[in-house]
Amino acid sequence: MSTEPTALAAALASFDDLWSPRIVTRVNDYDVRVAKVAGEHVWHVHDNTDEFFLVLEGELEIALREPAGERTVLLPRGSVFTVPRGTEHRPSSPSGASILLLEPTGTLTVGDRHDEVPDHVDATTGHALEP
């Protein structure tokens, strides 16, 4: 990790891959990741960790399957939302978005349990940000 400040706009401009987060820094045992997203991710669950989302640009939808039923939360630019551990969810962005995620280092983007992973989704624990 760099000991210099990281401009999030520059970090996002350094790659084009969708649903393929880059690790911009670490905080204790957590990765701070940025990603470009468009279309749908995959239904998945993180059994042992919450997942934090911050929308930097665009708009993100997160479909949730909860005990009371299914619902979708809409996150416009500047909004944050935390998906509680054990909650099945599927992020999507019909028009595209840039997001920041906070997750424990080593957390797989498709969770511990998931539907079949489509080709446009990168099942990764995050990629190093290239200088």
N, C-alpha and C. Protein backbone atom coordinates (compact mmCIF):
# COMPACT_ATOMS: atom_id res chain seq x y z
N MET A 1 0.83 -1.18 0.00
CA MET A 1 0.00 0.00 0.00
C MET A 1 0.88 1.24 0.00
N SER A 2 0.41 2.22 -0.68
CA SER A 2 1.12 3.49 -0.76
C SER A 2 0.99 4.25 0.56
N THR A 3 2.02 5.01 0.88
CA THR A 3 1.96 5.88 2.05
C THR A 3 1.63 7.31 1.63
N GLU A 4 1.19 7.47 0.38
CA GLU A 4 0.79 8.76 -0.16
C GLU A 4 -0.72 8.79 -0.33
N PRO A 5 -1.32 9.98 -0.38
CA PRO A 5 -2.76 10.08 -0.61
C PRO A 5 -3.14 9.46 -1.96
N THR A 6 -4.35 8.96 -2.03
CA THR A 6 -4.88 8.39 -3.27
C THR A 6 -6.10 9.19 -3.70
N ALA A 7 -6.06 9.72 -4.90
CA ALA A 7 -7.22 10.41 -5.47
C ALA A 7 -8.16 9.35 -6.04
N LEU A 8 -9.37 9.29 -5.52
CA LEU A 8 -10.31 8.26 -5.97
C LEU A 8 -10.64 8.39 -7.45
N ALA A 9 -10.76 9.63 -7.95
CA ALA A 9 -11.04 9.82 -9.38
C ALA A 9 -9.91 9.23 -10.23
N ALA A 10 -8.68 9.44 -9.82
CA ALA A 10 -7.54 8.89 -10.56
C ALA A 10 -7.51 7.37 -10.45
N ALA A 11 -7.83 6.86 -9.28
CA ALA A 11 -7.88 5.40 -9.11
C ALA A 11 -8.92 4.79 -10.05
N LEU A 12 -10.09 5.39 -10.10
CA LEU A 12 -11.15 4.88 -10.98
C LEU A 12 -10.79 5.04 -12.45
N ALA A 13 -10.07 6.08 -12.79
CA ALA A 13 -9.68 6.31 -14.19
C ALA A 13 -8.60 5.33 -14.65
N SER A 14 -7.97 4.62 -13.72
CA SER A 14 -6.86 3.73 -14.07
C SER A 14 -7.30 2.36 -14.58
N PHE A 15 -8.60 2.08 -14.58
CA PHE A 15 -9.08 0.78 -15.08
C PHE A 15 -10.48 0.94 -15.67
N ASP A 16 -10.85 -0.03 -16.52
CA ASP A 16 -12.17 0.01 -17.16
C ASP A 16 -13.06 -1.17 -16.80
N ASP A 17 -12.50 -2.22 -16.20
CA ASP A 17 -13.25 -3.43 -15.90
C ASP A 17 -14.43 -3.14 -14.98
N LEU A 18 -15.56 -3.75 -15.28
CA LEU A 18 -16.75 -3.62 -14.44
C LEU A 18 -16.79 -4.74 -13.41
N TRP A 19 -17.37 -4.45 -12.26
CA TRP A 19 -17.52 -5.42 -11.17
C TRP A 19 -16.18 -6.09 -10.85
N SER A 20 -15.11 -5.31 -10.87
CA SER A 20 -13.76 -5.81 -10.63
C SER A 20 -13.02 -4.81 -9.74
N PRO A 21 -13.27 -4.85 -8.43
CA PRO A 21 -12.77 -3.81 -7.54
C PRO A 21 -11.25 -3.76 -7.43
N ARG A 22 -10.77 -2.53 -7.19
CA ARG A 22 -9.36 -2.27 -6.94
C ARG A 22 -9.20 -1.83 -5.50
N ILE A 23 -8.18 -2.34 -4.84
CA ILE A 23 -7.91 -2.00 -3.44
C ILE A 23 -7.10 -0.70 -3.42
N VAL A 24 -7.70 0.36 -2.87
CA VAL A 24 -7.01 1.65 -2.84
C VAL A 24 -6.20 1.85 -1.57
N THR A 25 -6.62 1.20 -0.48
CA THR A 25 -5.87 1.25 0.78
C THR A 25 -6.43 0.18 1.72
N ARG A 26 -5.78 0.05 2.85
CA ARG A 26 -6.27 -0.86 3.89
C ARG A 26 -6.41 -0.07 5.19
N VAL A 27 -7.41 -0.44 5.98
CA VAL A 27 -7.63 0.13 7.30
C VAL A 27 -7.71 -1.06 8.25
N ASN A 28 -6.68 -1.23 9.07
CA ASN A 28 -6.58 -2.40 9.93
C ASN A 28 -6.72 -3.66 9.09
N ASP A 29 -7.73 -4.49 9.31
CA ASP A 29 -7.90 -5.72 8.55
C ASP A 29 -8.95 -5.58 7.45
N TYR A 30 -9.20 -4.35 7.00
CA TYR A 30 -10.23 -4.09 6.00
C TYR A 30 -9.62 -3.49 4.73
N ASP A 31 -10.16 -3.91 3.59
CA ASP A 31 -9.82 -3.30 2.31
C ASP A 31 -10.79 -2.17 2.02
N VAL A 32 -10.27 -1.08 1.50
CA VAL A 32 -11.09 -0.02 0.92
C VAL A 32 -10.94 -0.22 -0.58
N ARG A 33 -12.05 -0.55 -1.23
CA ARG A 33 -12.03 -0.89 -2.65
C ARG A 33 -12.90 0.08 -3.44
N VAL A 34 -12.49 0.35 -4.68
CA VAL A 34 -13.34 1.11 -5.59
C VAL A 34 -13.65 0.22 -6.78
N ALA A 35 -14.84 0.43 -7.35
CA ALA A 35 -15.25 -0.37 -8.50
C ALA A 35 -16.15 0.44 -9.41
N LYS A 36 -16.09 0.09 -10.67
CA LYS A 36 -17.04 0.60 -11.66
C LYS A 36 -18.06 -0.52 -11.85
N VAL A 37 -19.32 -0.16 -11.91
CA VAL A 37 -20.37 -1.18 -12.03
C VAL A 37 -21.39 -0.74 -13.07
N ALA A 38 -21.99 -1.72 -13.72
CA ALA A 38 -23.10 -1.50 -14.66
C ALA A 38 -23.78 -2.84 -14.85
N GLY A 39 -25.10 -2.80 -15.01
CA GLY A 39 -25.85 -4.04 -15.12
C GLY A 39 -26.00 -4.68 -13.75
N GLU A 40 -26.21 -5.99 -13.74
CA GLU A 40 -26.44 -6.70 -12.48
C GLU A 40 -25.22 -7.50 -12.04
N HIS A 41 -25.03 -7.55 -10.74
CA HIS A 41 -24.02 -8.43 -10.13
C HIS A 41 -24.67 -9.81 -10.03
N VAL A 42 -24.44 -10.53 -8.98
CA VAL A 42 -25.00 -11.86 -8.78
C VAL A 42 -25.60 -11.90 -7.37
N TRP A 43 -26.71 -12.64 -7.20
CA TRP A 43 -27.25 -12.84 -5.86
C TRP A 43 -26.17 -13.57 -5.05
N HIS A 44 -25.86 -13.03 -3.86
CA HIS A 44 -24.84 -13.66 -3.03
C HIS A 44 -25.03 -13.29 -1.56
N VAL A 45 -24.30 -13.99 -0.70
CA VAL A 45 -24.38 -13.79 0.75
C VAL A 45 -22.96 -13.80 1.32
N HIS A 46 -22.70 -12.86 2.22
CA HIS A 46 -21.48 -12.89 3.02
C HIS A 46 -21.93 -13.37 4.40
N ASP A 47 -21.58 -14.60 4.74
CA ASP A 47 -22.07 -15.21 5.98
C ASP A 47 -21.55 -14.54 7.24
N ASN A 48 -20.30 -14.04 7.20
CA ASN A 48 -19.66 -13.58 8.43
C ASN A 48 -19.26 -12.11 8.45
N THR A 49 -19.69 -11.35 7.46
CA THR A 49 -19.32 -9.94 7.45
C THR A 49 -20.39 -9.08 6.80
N ASP A 50 -20.51 -7.86 7.30
CA ASP A 50 -21.36 -6.86 6.65
C ASP A 50 -20.62 -6.38 5.40
N GLU A 51 -21.34 -5.70 4.49
CA GLU A 51 -20.73 -5.12 3.30
C GLU A 51 -21.18 -3.67 3.19
N PHE A 52 -20.22 -2.75 3.19
CA PHE A 52 -20.47 -1.31 3.16
C PHE A 52 -20.32 -0.77 1.75
N PHE A 53 -21.29 0.02 1.30
CA PHE A 53 -21.29 0.63 -0.02
C PHE A 53 -21.38 2.15 0.12
N LEU A 54 -20.59 2.87 -0.66
CA LEU A 54 -20.69 4.32 -0.81
C LEU A 54 -20.72 4.60 -2.31
N VAL A 55 -21.74 5.30 -2.77
CA VAL A 55 -21.86 5.61 -4.19
C VAL A 55 -21.12 6.92 -4.46
N LEU A 56 -20.08 6.82 -5.29
CA LEU A 56 -19.26 7.98 -5.64
C LEU A 56 -19.84 8.74 -6.83
N GLU A 57 -20.33 8.01 -7.80
CA GLU A 57 -20.94 8.58 -9.01
C GLU A 57 -22.07 7.67 -9.45
N GLY A 58 -23.09 8.24 -10.06
CA GLY A 58 -24.20 7.44 -10.58
C GLY A 58 -25.17 7.02 -9.49
N GLU A 59 -25.79 5.89 -9.72
CA GLU A 59 -26.84 5.39 -8.83
C GLU A 59 -26.73 3.87 -8.73
N LEU A 60 -26.85 3.34 -7.53
CA LEU A 60 -26.76 1.90 -7.29
C LEU A 60 -28.05 1.41 -6.67
N GLU A 61 -28.50 0.25 -7.12
CA GLU A 61 -29.64 -0.43 -6.50
C GLU A 61 -29.11 -1.69 -5.83
N ILE A 62 -29.64 -2.00 -4.67
CA ILE A 62 -29.28 -3.26 -4.00
C ILE A 62 -30.57 -3.99 -3.66
N ALA A 63 -30.79 -5.11 -4.33
CA ALA A 63 -31.93 -5.96 -4.02
C ALA A 63 -31.56 -6.82 -2.81
N LEU A 64 -32.49 -6.96 -1.88
CA LEU A 64 -32.26 -7.70 -0.64
C LEU A 64 -33.34 -8.75 -0.46
N ARG A 65 -32.95 -9.92 -0.03
CA ARG A 65 -33.90 -10.96 0.38
C ARG A 65 -33.82 -11.06 1.89
N GLU A 66 -34.86 -10.55 2.54
CA GLU A 66 -34.90 -10.48 3.99
C GLU A 66 -36.03 -11.35 4.52
N PRO A 67 -36.06 -11.63 5.82
CA PRO A 67 -37.14 -12.45 6.37
C PRO A 67 -38.53 -11.91 6.04
N ALA A 68 -38.68 -10.59 5.98
CA ALA A 68 -39.99 -9.98 5.69
C ALA A 68 -40.32 -9.99 4.20
N GLY A 69 -39.35 -10.40 3.37
CA GLY A 69 -39.58 -10.42 1.93
C GLY A 69 -38.46 -9.75 1.17
N GLU A 70 -38.67 -9.59 -0.11
CA GLU A 70 -37.67 -8.98 -0.97
C GLU A 70 -37.94 -7.49 -1.12
N ARG A 71 -36.87 -6.69 -1.10
CA ARG A 71 -37.00 -5.25 -1.33
C ARG A 71 -35.74 -4.76 -2.02
N THR A 72 -35.81 -3.56 -2.58
CA THR A 72 -34.67 -2.95 -3.24
C THR A 72 -34.43 -1.57 -2.64
N VAL A 73 -33.18 -1.30 -2.27
CA VAL A 73 -32.82 0.03 -1.81
C VAL A 73 -32.12 0.76 -2.95
N LEU A 74 -32.42 2.05 -3.08
CA LEU A 74 -31.84 2.88 -4.12
C LEU A 74 -30.84 3.83 -3.48
N LEU A 75 -29.62 3.83 -3.99
CA LEU A 75 -28.57 4.68 -3.45
C LEU A 75 -28.12 5.67 -4.51
N PRO A 76 -28.55 6.92 -4.40
CA PRO A 76 -28.03 7.94 -5.31
C PRO A 76 -26.61 8.32 -4.90
N ARG A 77 -25.97 9.12 -5.74
CA ARG A 77 -24.61 9.59 -5.48
C ARG A 77 -24.51 10.18 -4.07
N GLY A 78 -23.44 9.78 -3.36
CA GLY A 78 -23.21 10.29 -2.01
C GLY A 78 -23.88 9.49 -0.92
N SER A 79 -24.65 8.47 -1.28
CA SER A 79 -25.36 7.65 -0.28
C SER A 79 -24.51 6.46 0.17
N VAL A 80 -24.75 6.06 1.41
CA VAL A 80 -24.10 4.87 1.95
C VAL A 80 -25.17 3.88 2.39
N PHE A 81 -24.79 2.61 2.38
CA PHE A 81 -25.69 1.55 2.84
C PHE A 81 -24.82 0.37 3.26
N THR A 82 -25.23 -0.30 4.32
CA THR A 82 -24.54 -1.50 4.77
C THR A 82 -25.49 -2.68 4.68
N VAL A 83 -25.08 -3.70 3.94
CA VAL A 83 -25.83 -4.96 3.86
C VAL A 83 -25.40 -5.80 5.06
N PRO A 84 -26.33 -6.16 5.92
CA PRO A 84 -25.96 -6.97 7.10
C PRO A 84 -25.48 -8.37 6.71
N ARG A 85 -24.53 -8.86 7.46
CA ARG A 85 -24.04 -10.22 7.23
C ARG A 85 -25.21 -11.20 7.19
N GLY A 86 -25.08 -12.19 6.32
CA GLY A 86 -26.11 -13.21 6.21
C GLY A 86 -27.31 -12.81 5.35
N THR A 87 -27.30 -11.61 4.78
CA THR A 87 -28.42 -11.15 3.96
C THR A 87 -28.10 -11.37 2.49
N GLU A 88 -28.95 -12.13 1.81
CA GLU A 88 -28.76 -12.35 0.38
C GLU A 88 -29.05 -11.03 -0.34
N HIS A 89 -28.16 -10.66 -1.26
CA HIS A 89 -28.30 -9.38 -1.95
C HIS A 89 -27.72 -9.43 -3.35
N ARG A 90 -28.18 -8.47 -4.18
CA ARG A 90 -27.68 -8.35 -5.56
C ARG A 90 -27.59 -6.87 -5.93
N PRO A 91 -26.38 -6.33 -5.98
CA PRO A 91 -26.23 -4.95 -6.45
C PRO A 91 -26.46 -4.87 -7.95
N SER A 92 -26.93 -3.71 -8.40
CA SER A 92 -27.08 -3.48 -9.83
C SER A 92 -27.07 -1.98 -10.09
N SER A 93 -26.79 -1.65 -11.34
CA SER A 93 -26.82 -0.25 -11.75
C SER A 93 -27.15 -0.19 -13.24
N PRO A 94 -28.42 0.07 -13.56
CA PRO A 94 -28.82 0.10 -14.97
C PRO A 94 -28.03 1.11 -15.80
N SER A 95 -27.70 2.26 -15.22
CA SER A 95 -27.00 3.30 -16.00
C SER A 95 -25.52 3.42 -15.66
N GLY A 96 -25.01 2.61 -14.75
CA GLY A 96 -23.60 2.63 -14.38
C GLY A 96 -23.34 3.49 -13.17
N ALA A 97 -22.31 3.11 -12.40
CA ALA A 97 -21.95 3.84 -11.19
C ALA A 97 -20.51 3.54 -10.83
N SER A 98 -19.97 4.39 -9.96
CA SER A 98 -18.67 4.14 -9.33
C SER A 98 -18.95 4.06 -7.84
N ILE A 99 -18.39 3.04 -7.20
CA ILE A 99 -18.68 2.80 -5.79
C ILE A 99 -17.40 2.58 -4.99
N LEU A 100 -17.50 2.78 -3.69
CA LEU A 100 -16.45 2.45 -2.75
C LEU A 100 -17.02 1.41 -1.81
N LEU A 101 -16.23 0.36 -1.54
CA LEU A 101 -16.64 -0.74 -0.67
C LEU A 101 -15.66 -0.86 0.48
N LEU A 102 -16.15 -1.25 1.63
CA LEU A 102 -15.31 -1.52 2.79
C LEU A 102 -15.63 -2.93 3.25
N GLU A 103 -14.63 -3.81 3.17
CA GLU A 103 -14.83 -5.22 3.51
C GLU A 103 -13.55 -5.77 4.14
N PRO A 104 -13.67 -6.81 4.98
CA PRO A 104 -12.47 -7.43 5.52
C PRO A 104 -11.57 -7.93 4.38
N THR A 105 -10.27 -7.74 4.54
CA THR A 105 -9.30 -8.22 3.56
C THR A 105 -9.55 -9.70 3.28
N GLY A 106 -9.56 -10.06 2.01
CA GLY A 106 -9.76 -11.45 1.61
C GLY A 106 -11.21 -11.80 1.33
N THR A 107 -12.14 -10.86 1.51
CA THR A 107 -13.55 -11.13 1.24
C THR A 107 -13.78 -11.25 -0.25
N LEU A 108 -14.39 -12.33 -0.67
CA LEU A 108 -14.68 -12.59 -2.07
C LEU A 108 -15.87 -11.75 -2.53
N THR A 109 -15.76 -11.14 -3.71
CA THR A 109 -16.81 -10.26 -4.22
C THR A 109 -18.14 -10.98 -4.43
N VAL A 110 -18.11 -12.28 -4.59
CA VAL A 110 -19.35 -13.03 -4.78
C VAL A 110 -19.78 -13.76 -3.52
N GLY A 111 -19.20 -13.38 -2.40
CA GLY A 111 -19.63 -13.90 -1.11
C GLY A 111 -19.25 -15.34 -0.86
N ASP A 112 -19.87 -15.88 0.19
CA ASP A 112 -19.61 -17.26 0.59
C ASP A 112 -20.54 -18.23 -0.13
N ARG A 113 -21.71 -17.72 -0.50
CA ARG A 113 -22.69 -18.51 -1.27
C ARG A 113 -23.25 -17.59 -2.34
N HIS A 114 -23.42 -18.13 -3.56
CA HIS A 114 -23.87 -17.28 -4.66
C HIS A 114 -24.49 -18.10 -5.78
N ASP A 115 -25.25 -17.40 -6.62
CA ASP A 115 -25.75 -17.98 -7.86
C ASP A 115 -24.57 -18.16 -8.80
N GLU A 116 -24.84 -18.74 -9.96
CA GLU A 116 -23.79 -18.89 -10.97
C GLU A 116 -23.23 -17.51 -11.32
N VAL A 117 -21.92 -17.41 -11.39
CA VAL A 117 -21.27 -16.13 -11.65
C VAL A 117 -21.22 -15.87 -13.16
N PRO A 118 -21.87 -14.80 -13.61
CA PRO A 118 -21.84 -14.48 -15.05
C PRO A 118 -20.46 -13.97 -15.47
N ASP A 119 -20.18 -14.01 -16.76
CA ASP A 119 -18.87 -13.63 -17.28
C ASP A 119 -18.49 -12.19 -16.96
N HIS A 120 -19.47 -11.29 -16.82
CA HIS A 120 -19.14 -9.88 -16.60
C HIS A 120 -18.83 -9.54 -15.13
N VAL A 121 -18.90 -10.55 -14.25
CA VAL A 121 -18.61 -10.33 -12.83
C VAL A 121 -17.28 -11.01 -12.49
N ASP A 122 -16.37 -10.25 -11.90
CA ASP A 122 -15.06 -10.76 -11.50
C ASP A 122 -15.15 -11.30 -10.07
N ALA A 123 -15.03 -12.62 -9.93
CA ALA A 123 -15.03 -13.22 -8.59
C ALA A 123 -13.60 -13.10 -8.04
N THR A 124 -13.39 -12.10 -7.20
CA THR A 124 -12.05 -11.77 -6.73
C THR A 124 -12.08 -11.29 -5.29
N THR A 125 -10.93 -11.25 -4.66
CA THR A 125 -10.81 -10.63 -3.35
C THR A 125 -10.27 -9.20 -3.49
N GLY A 126 -10.34 -8.68 -4.70
CA GLY A 126 -9.87 -7.33 -5.01
C GLY A 126 -8.51 -7.38 -5.68
N HIS A 127 -8.30 -6.45 -6.59
CA HIS A 127 -7.03 -6.35 -7.30
C HIS A 127 -6.23 -5.16 -6.76
N ALA A 128 -4.93 -5.29 -6.80
CA ALA A 128 -4.09 -4.17 -6.39
C ALA A 128 -4.29 -3.02 -7.37
N LEU A 129 -4.27 -1.83 -6.87
CA LEU A 129 -4.38 -0.64 -7.71
C LEU A 129 -3.02 -0.42 -8.35
N GLU A 130 -3.01 -0.36 -9.67
CA GLU A 130 -1.76 -0.14 -10.40
C GLU A 130 -1.40 1.34 -10.32
N PRO A 131 -0.10 1.64 -10.14
CA PRO A 131 0.31 3.05 -10.06
C PRO A 131 0.14 3.77 -11.39
